[in-house]
Protein backbone atom coordinates (compact mmCIF):
# COMPACT_ATOMS: atom_id res chain seq x y z
CA MET A 1 7.80 -13.34 0.31
CA LEU A 2 8.33 -10.13 -1.62
CA VAL A 3 11.26 -7.81 -1.05
CA ASN A 4 10.74 -4.45 -2.71
CA GLU A 5 14.03 -3.12 -4.06
CA GLU A 6 12.58 -0.05 -5.80
CA ASN A 7 12.18 3.29 -4.09
CA TYR A 8 9.24 2.30 -1.90
CA ILE A 9 7.70 5.77 -1.89
CA LEU A 10 8.27 6.92 -5.46
CA SER A 11 7.34 3.60 -7.08
CA GLN A 12 3.79 3.80 -5.64
CA SER A 13 3.11 7.49 -5.17
CA ASN A 14 0.74 7.71 -8.16
CA ASP A 15 -1.35 4.90 -6.68
CA PHE A 16 -1.31 6.49 -3.22
CA GLU A 17 -2.34 9.91 -4.53
CA GLY A 18 -4.83 8.54 -7.05
CA THR A 19 -3.30 10.40 -9.99
CA LEU A 20 -4.05 9.83 -13.66
CA PHE A 21 -1.16 7.32 -13.73
CA ALA A 22 -2.44 5.25 -10.79
CA LYS A 23 -3.08 1.54 -11.26
CA LYS A 24 -6.75 0.55 -11.16
CA ASN A 25 -6.08 -2.18 -8.60
CA PRO A 26 -2.74 -1.66 -6.84
CA GLU A 27 -1.40 -4.78 -5.16
CA LYS A 28 -2.38 -5.18 -1.51
CA TYR A 29 -0.83 -7.48 1.10
CA ASP A 30 -1.97 -9.59 4.07
CA LEU A 31 1.11 -8.73 6.13
CA ILE A 32 3.72 -6.00 5.98
CA ILE A 33 6.81 -6.05 8.17
CA GLY A 34 9.02 -3.01 7.92
CA ASN A 35 11.94 -1.16 9.39
CA PRO A 36 11.56 2.26 7.81
CA PRO A 37 14.37 4.80 7.96
CA TYR A 38 13.94 7.55 10.52
CA LEU A 39 15.32 10.44 8.54
CA ARG A 40 14.21 14.01 8.11
CA ILE A 41 13.89 15.04 4.49
CA MET A 42 13.50 18.38 2.80
CA ARG A 43 9.98 19.49 1.91
CA LYS A 44 11.17 19.83 -1.69
CA SER A 45 12.56 16.27 -1.82
CA GLU A 46 11.14 13.99 -4.48
CA GLU A 47 9.56 11.69 -1.88
CA ALA A 48 7.86 14.52 0.05
CA GLU A 49 6.52 16.13 -3.10
CA SER A 50 5.18 12.79 -4.34
CA MET A 51 2.82 12.41 -1.30
CA PRO A 52 1.40 15.91 -0.70
CA THR A 53 -1.77 14.63 0.98
CA VAL A 54 0.21 13.47 4.02
CA VAL A 55 3.15 15.90 4.08
CA HIS A 56 2.57 18.77 6.48
CA GLY A 57 5.33 20.70 8.21
CA ALA A 58 8.76 19.05 8.35
CA PRO A 59 8.48 15.67 6.59
CA ASN A 60 10.41 12.54 7.49
CA LEU A 61 10.79 9.26 5.63
CA TYR A 62 9.51 7.24 8.58
CA PHE A 63 6.05 8.78 8.34
CA LEU A 64 5.92 8.41 4.54
CA PHE A 65 6.86 4.72 4.85
CA ALA A 66 4.20 4.21 7.53
CA ALA A 67 1.52 5.91 5.41
CA MET A 68 2.47 3.88 2.35
CA SER A 69 2.46 0.65 4.39
CA LEU A 70 -1.10 1.32 5.53
CA PHE A 71 -2.09 2.01 1.93
CA ASN A 72 -0.53 -1.32 0.88
CA LEU A 73 -2.50 -3.41 3.39
CA LYS A 74 -5.61 -5.40 2.53
CA ASP A 75 -8.65 -4.91 4.75
CA ASP A 76 -8.25 -6.90 7.99
CA ALA A 77 -4.51 -7.31 7.39
CA ASP A 78 -1.60 -6.89 9.81
CA SER A 79 1.42 -4.64 9.86
CA SER A 80 4.46 -4.62 12.09
CA VAL A 81 6.81 -1.66 11.95
CA CYS A 82 9.95 -1.04 14.01
CA GLU A 83 9.66 2.31 15.76
CA PRO A 84 12.55 4.59 16.68
CA GLY A 85 13.22 5.05 20.27
């Protein structure tokens, strides 16, 4: 089991966006279980600016976590995310 203690968004944003600094083969997982924060963030926040391909309108951390989780999954893998509500 891996527990990521880095900033989940910022630590992988180069891989997600495919920048010059992206890893050739970013690590992918068979299963991701998450409880992302449901928090509005400013459009100029570091996290929002690090994922411009998915930030439109008023960004929130929940959506960025969900997008990054999907990026982190292997093909035919599973994800379980707690949803607000």
